[in-house]
């Protein structure tokens, strides 16, 4: 009885966790399964009527989907370049700036970017662009996606900077290296794992963003998540399931690539930092 009483809380916690995971991931599994459902008369059906892969080919032949994919990829690539550059500089300043007040201010701004609801940000940006009479398009989408991704990159880089051994940089300065040489030859190589991981996160965040994009897209410039969201209002098309499954696989592949690159680069950086025996 004592053993049962001791194990009961752990068993209950495990059961609740399992139910939560099923609740979260069951819809994802269903969407992937129905991406391969044959359906009835060219339409998706509630019953699984047979296995097929032709929905993926139909999705690729759809010009609207291809245009949305191209827009999403362009926006995500531009956002990644800008976010990694500015976010890395912000993360380094958050950890290394000599003034504590500046560090606190940067941390407050970064966390503010993360906690502001995307709906509020989307409405504000739409009103801002309207007042400026700016034409909505790729650049406005990039500007909308960049602030939050900068915050994500900054936090990843900051955590890496705090774990670095500053004696290596001090040794480089003692050997005559200038400030930019230390950054280029010592600091950046050690930050490379964090930069790669944050770049993948920034790309994934922008590519999958639907809330901000919903406010700022146009009939001519629309992203893939907005297209998928729009299909829900008129009944989900069979190709939407195929696109959703492809996006899921693409996101998982990016995350796996980031994890592998982070581990490999971390090991390489650690091996390079260890002193070599004569």
Protein backbone atom coordinates (compact mmCIF):
# COMPACT_ATOMS: atom_id res chain seq x y z
CA UNK A 1 0.00 0.00 0.00
CA UNK A 2 2.83 2.41 0.80
CA UNK A 3 4.42 1.70 -2.57
CA UNK A 4 1.12 2.30 -4.31
CA UNK A 5 0.65 5.59 -2.48
CA UNK A 6 4.16 6.68 -3.44
CA UNK A 7 3.71 5.71 -7.05
CA UNK A 8 0.20 7.14 -7.40
CA UNK A 9 1.29 10.79 -7.90
CA UNK A 10 3.90 9.78 -10.49
CA UNK A 11 1.36 7.61 -12.30
CA UNK A 12 -1.23 10.39 -12.28
CA UNK A 13 1.32 12.90 -13.57
CA UNK A 14 2.35 10.49 -16.32
CA UNK A 15 -1.28 9.93 -17.32
CA UNK A 16 -2.01 13.66 -17.46
CA UNK A 17 1.15 14.24 -19.52
CA UNK A 18 0.23 11.46 -21.93
CA UNK A 19 -3.30 12.85 -22.38
CA UNK A 20 -1.91 16.34 -22.98
CA UNK A 21 0.50 15.04 -25.62
CA UNK A 22 -2.28 13.11 -27.34
CA UNK A 23 -4.49 16.21 -27.32
CA UNK A 24 -1.71 18.34 -28.83
CA UNK A 25 -0.39 15.95 -31.46
CA UNK A 26 -3.47 13.96 -32.48
CA UNK A 27 -4.68 16.73 -34.87
CA UNK A 28 -1.22 16.87 -36.46
CA UNK A 29 -1.20 13.12 -37.00
CA UNK A 30 -4.71 13.25 -38.48
CA UNK A 31 -3.70 16.00 -40.91
CA UNK A 32 -0.71 13.95 -42.08
CA UNK A 33 -2.81 10.81 -42.46
CA UNK A 34 -5.47 12.62 -44.50
CA UNK A 35 -2.79 14.01 -46.79
CA UNK A 36 -2.65 10.46 -48.17
CA UNK A 37 -6.41 9.85 -48.20
CA UNK A 38 -7.90 9.20 -51.65
CA UNK A 39 -11.21 10.83 -50.72
CA UNK A 40 -14.39 10.68 -52.80
CA UNK A 41 -14.94 12.33 -56.21
CA UNK A 42 -11.83 14.45 -55.92
CA UNK A 43 -12.75 15.78 -52.49
CA UNK A 44 -11.65 14.94 -48.99
CA UNK A 45 -13.94 12.66 -47.02
CA UNK A 46 -14.39 11.90 -43.38
CA UNK A 47 -13.50 8.24 -43.91
CA UNK A 48 -10.13 6.99 -45.08
CA UNK A 49 -11.02 5.56 -48.49
CA UNK A 50 -7.58 4.55 -49.71
CA UNK A 51 -3.93 5.48 -49.88
CA UNK A 52 -2.72 7.94 -52.52
CA UNK A 53 0.03 10.49 -53.07
CA UNK A 54 -1.52 12.39 -55.96
CA UNK A 55 -2.62 15.28 -53.72
CA UNK A 56 1.02 16.27 -53.41
CA UNK A 57 1.36 16.43 -57.20
CA UNK A 58 -1.87 18.43 -57.45
CA UNK A 59 -0.58 20.88 -54.85
CA UNK A 60 2.65 21.38 -56.77
CA UNK A 61 0.74 22.04 -60.00
CA UNK A 62 -1.36 24.74 -58.30
CA UNK A 63 0.06 28.15 -59.31
CA UNK A 64 -1.39 29.84 -56.22
CA UNK A 65 0.35 27.41 -53.90
CA UNK A 66 3.66 27.73 -55.73
CA UNK A 67 3.46 31.52 -55.55
CA UNK A 68 2.69 31.37 -51.81
CA UNK A 69 5.61 29.01 -51.21
CA UNK A 70 7.96 31.30 -53.12
CA UNK A 71 6.82 34.33 -51.12
CA UNK A 72 7.23 32.47 -47.83
CA UNK A 73 10.74 31.35 -48.74
CA UNK A 74 11.85 34.83 -49.85
CA UNK A 75 10.45 36.51 -46.77
CA UNK A 76 11.91 33.90 -44.42
CA UNK A 77 15.36 34.13 -46.04
CA UNK A 78 15.46 37.94 -45.80
CA UNK A 79 14.18 37.87 -42.22
CA UNK A 80 16.87 35.34 -41.28
CA UNK A 81 19.69 37.47 -42.68
CA UNK A 82 18.51 40.63 -40.93
CA UNK A 83 17.57 38.91 -37.66
CA UNK A 84 20.83 37.01 -37.30
CA UNK A 85 22.91 40.14 -37.90
CA UNK A 86 21.00 42.44 -35.57
CA UNK A 87 20.08 39.72 -33.08
CA UNK A 88 23.67 38.55 -32.69
CA UNK A 89 24.85 42.10 -32.03
CA UNK A 90 22.02 42.58 -29.53
CA UNK A 91 22.77 39.30 -27.76
CA UNK A 92 26.45 40.16 -27.42
CA UNK A 93 25.60 43.62 -26.08
CA UNK A 94 23.12 42.10 -23.59
CA UNK A 95 25.93 40.01 -22.13
CA UNK A 96 29.03 42.15 -22.65
CA UNK A 97 28.05 45.83 -22.63
CA UNK A 98 30.05 47.63 -19.91
CA UNK A 99 27.02 49.56 -18.63
CA UNK A 100 24.50 47.57 -16.61
CA UNK A 101 21.73 50.02 -17.48
CA UNK A 102 22.18 49.39 -21.19
CA UNK A 103 22.13 45.63 -20.62
CA UNK A 104 18.88 45.88 -18.64
CA UNK A 105 17.31 48.13 -21.27
CA UNK A 106 18.19 45.72 -24.08
CA UNK A 107 16.84 42.77 -22.09
CA UNK A 108 13.59 44.64 -21.42
CA UNK A 109 13.18 45.47 -25.11
CA UNK A 110 13.90 41.89 -26.17
CA UNK A 111 11.40 40.39 -23.72
CA UNK A 112 8.86 43.06 -24.70
CA UNK A 113 9.10 41.96 -28.32
CA UNK A 114 8.35 38.40 -27.24
CA UNK A 115 5.40 39.12 -24.95
CA UNK A 116 3.52 41.61 -27.15
CA UNK A 117 0.61 39.67 -28.76
CA UNK A 118 1.05 39.20 -32.47
CA UNK A 119 -2.54 40.32 -33.07
CA UNK A 120 -1.78 43.68 -31.47
CA UNK A 121 1.45 43.98 -33.43
CA UNK A 122 -0.28 43.06 -36.68
CA UNK A 123 -3.04 45.65 -36.24
CA UNK A 124 -0.49 48.30 -35.24
CA UNK A 125 1.71 47.61 -38.25
CA UNK A 126 -1.23 47.67 -40.64
CA UNK A 127 -2.29 51.06 -39.27
CA UNK A 128 1.31 52.29 -39.38
CA UNK A 129 1.77 51.26 -43.00
CA UNK A 130 -1.57 52.82 -43.89
CA UNK A 131 -0.61 56.15 -42.36
CA UNK A 132 2.70 56.05 -44.24
CA UNK A 133 0.83 55.12 -47.42
CA UNK A 134 3.27 52.25 -47.86
CA UNK A 135 2.45 49.54 -50.38
CA UNK A 136 2.06 46.15 -48.73
CA UNK A 137 4.39 43.56 -50.15
CA UNK A 138 7.47 41.47 -49.45
CA UNK A 139 9.42 44.22 -47.69
CA UNK A 140 6.58 45.09 -45.34
CA UNK A 141 6.24 41.42 -44.43
CA UNK A 142 9.98 41.21 -43.75
CA UNK A 143 9.78 44.30 -41.53
CA UNK A 144 6.85 42.76 -39.62
CA UNK A 145 8.50 39.38 -39.03
CA UNK A 146 11.93 40.73 -38.11
CA UNK A 147 11.45 42.24 -34.59
CA UNK A 148 10.33 39.02 -32.90
CA UNK A 149 12.97 36.95 -34.67
CA UNK A 150 15.65 39.43 -33.57
CA UNK A 151 14.54 38.81 -29.99
CA UNK A 152 14.77 35.03 -30.44
CA UNK A 153 18.25 35.25 -31.97
CA UNK A 154 19.39 37.67 -29.25
CA UNK A 155 18.39 35.30 -26.45
CA UNK A 156 20.08 32.30 -28.10
CA UNK A 157 23.30 34.24 -28.73
CA UNK A 158 23.29 35.78 -25.25
CA UNK A 159 23.07 32.37 -23.59
CA UNK A 160 26.06 31.22 -25.66
CA UNK A 161 28.09 34.35 -24.91
CA UNK A 162 27.57 33.94 -21.17
CA UNK A 163 29.04 30.44 -21.38
CA UNK A 164 32.23 31.51 -23.20
CA UNK A 165 35.64 31.68 -21.56
CA UNK A 166 36.76 35.31 -21.82
CA UNK A 167 40.37 34.40 -21.15
CA UNK A 168 40.70 33.29 -24.78
CA UNK A 169 39.72 36.74 -26.00
CA UNK A 170 42.01 38.40 -23.47
CA UNK A 171 44.88 36.24 -24.69
CA UNK A 172 44.18 37.31 -28.26
CA UNK A 173 44.33 40.96 -27.22
CA UNK A 174 47.57 40.35 -25.34
CA UNK A 175 49.02 38.92 -28.55
CA UNK A 176 48.20 42.12 -30.41
CA UNK A 177 44.79 41.41 -31.95
CA UNK A 178 42.60 44.47 -32.48
CA UNK A 179 38.96 44.63 -31.39
CA UNK A 180 37.46 43.53 -34.73
CA UNK A 181 40.09 40.83 -35.10
CA UNK A 182 39.07 39.37 -31.75
CA UNK A 183 35.42 39.41 -32.81
CA UNK A 184 36.13 37.89 -36.23
CA UNK A 185 38.76 35.28 -35.29
CA UNK A 186 37.85 34.40 -31.69
CA UNK A 187 34.29 35.38 -30.77
CA UNK A 188 32.40 34.54 -33.97
CA UNK A 189 33.88 31.00 -34.34
CA UNK A 190 32.78 30.23 -30.79
CA UNK A 191 29.33 31.66 -31.48
CA UNK A 192 28.90 29.74 -34.73
CA UNK A 193 26.75 26.94 -33.20
CA UNK A 194 24.38 29.49 -31.68
CA UNK A 195 24.27 31.50 -34.91
CA UNK A 196 23.37 28.44 -36.97
CA UNK A 197 20.71 27.31 -34.53
CA UNK A 198 19.20 30.79 -34.24
CA UNK A 199 19.21 31.18 -38.04
CA UNK A 200 17.16 28.01 -38.41
CA UNK A 201 14.78 29.15 -35.67
CA UNK A 202 14.39 32.56 -37.31
CA UNK A 203 13.70 30.99 -40.71
CA UNK A 204 11.16 28.58 -39.24
CA UNK A 205 9.41 31.31 -37.25
CA UNK A 206 9.03 33.53 -40.30
CA UNK A 207 8.06 30.73 -42.67
CA UNK A 208 5.33 29.44 -40.34
CA UNK A 209 3.99 32.81 -39.17
CA UNK A 210 0.31 33.24 -39.86
CA UNK A 211 -0.95 35.97 -37.50
CA UNK A 212 1.22 38.86 -38.70
CA UNK A 213 1.06 37.68 -42.30
CA UNK A 214 -2.74 37.57 -42.19
CA UNK A 215 -2.86 41.32 -41.57
CA UNK A 216 -0.18 42.31 -44.08
CA UNK A 217 -0.61 40.08 -47.13
CA UNK A 218 -2.39 41.06 -50.34
CA UNK A 219 -3.99 39.02 -53.14
CA UNK A 220 -0.76 39.46 -55.09
CA UNK A 221 1.66 38.80 -52.20
CA UNK A 222 0.49 36.02 -49.89
CA UNK A 223 2.35 33.45 -47.81
CA UNK A 224 1.71 29.73 -47.55
CA UNK A 225 0.32 29.78 -43.97
CA UNK A 226 -2.16 32.50 -45.00
CA UNK A 227 -3.23 30.36 -47.98
CA UNK A 228 -3.81 27.36 -45.72
CA UNK A 229 -5.72 29.47 -43.23
CA UNK A 230 -7.89 30.83 -46.03
CA UNK A 231 -8.85 27.37 -47.25
CA UNK A 232 -10.47 26.62 -43.89
CA UNK A 233 -13.21 29.20 -44.49
CA UNK A 234 -14.39 27.49 -47.67
CA UNK A 235 -13.80 23.89 -46.68
CA UNK A 236 -10.33 22.44 -46.49
CA UNK A 237 -9.14 21.31 -49.91
CA UNK A 238 -7.39 17.92 -50.19
CA UNK A 239 -4.24 19.68 -51.40
CA UNK A 240 -4.19 21.71 -48.16
CA UNK A 241 -3.55 18.53 -46.18
CA UNK A 242 -0.69 17.67 -48.50
CA UNK A 243 0.80 21.13 -48.14
CA UNK A 244 0.42 21.00 -44.35
CA UNK A 245 2.18 17.63 -44.21
CA UNK A 246 4.98 18.98 -46.40
CA UNK A 247 5.37 22.06 -44.18
CA UNK A 248 5.53 19.83 -41.11
CA UNK A 249 8.24 17.66 -42.67
CA UNK A 250 10.13 20.76 -43.78
CA UNK A 251 10.00 22.26 -40.28
CA UNK A 252 11.15 19.02 -38.65
CA UNK A 253 14.00 18.77 -41.16
CA UNK A 254 15.13 22.31 -40.34
CA UNK A 255 14.99 21.65 -36.60
CA UNK A 256 16.94 18.41 -36.99
CA UNK A 257 19.51 20.21 -39.15
CA UNK A 258 19.87 22.91 -36.51
CA UNK A 259 20.37 20.32 -33.76
CA UNK A 260 22.97 18.38 -35.74
CA UNK A 261 24.82 21.55 -36.75
CA UNK A 262 24.75 22.87 -33.19
CA UNK A 263 26.22 19.67 -31.77
CA UNK A 264 28.87 19.36 -34.49
CA UNK A 265 29.96 22.99 -34.28
CA UNK A 266 29.97 22.91 -30.47
CA UNK A 267 32.28 19.92 -30.49
CA UNK A 268 34.54 21.57 -33.05
CA UNK A 269 34.66 24.79 -31.05
CA UNK A 270 35.38 22.88 -27.86
CA UNK A 271 38.17 20.91 -29.52
CA UNK A 272 39.72 24.10 -30.89
CA UNK A 273 39.56 25.79 -27.50
CA UNK A 274 41.32 22.95 -25.67
CA UNK A 275 45.09 23.41 -25.37
CA UNK A 276 47.15 21.09 -27.49
CA UNK A 277 49.93 19.03 -26.05
CA UNK A 278 53.39 19.53 -27.47
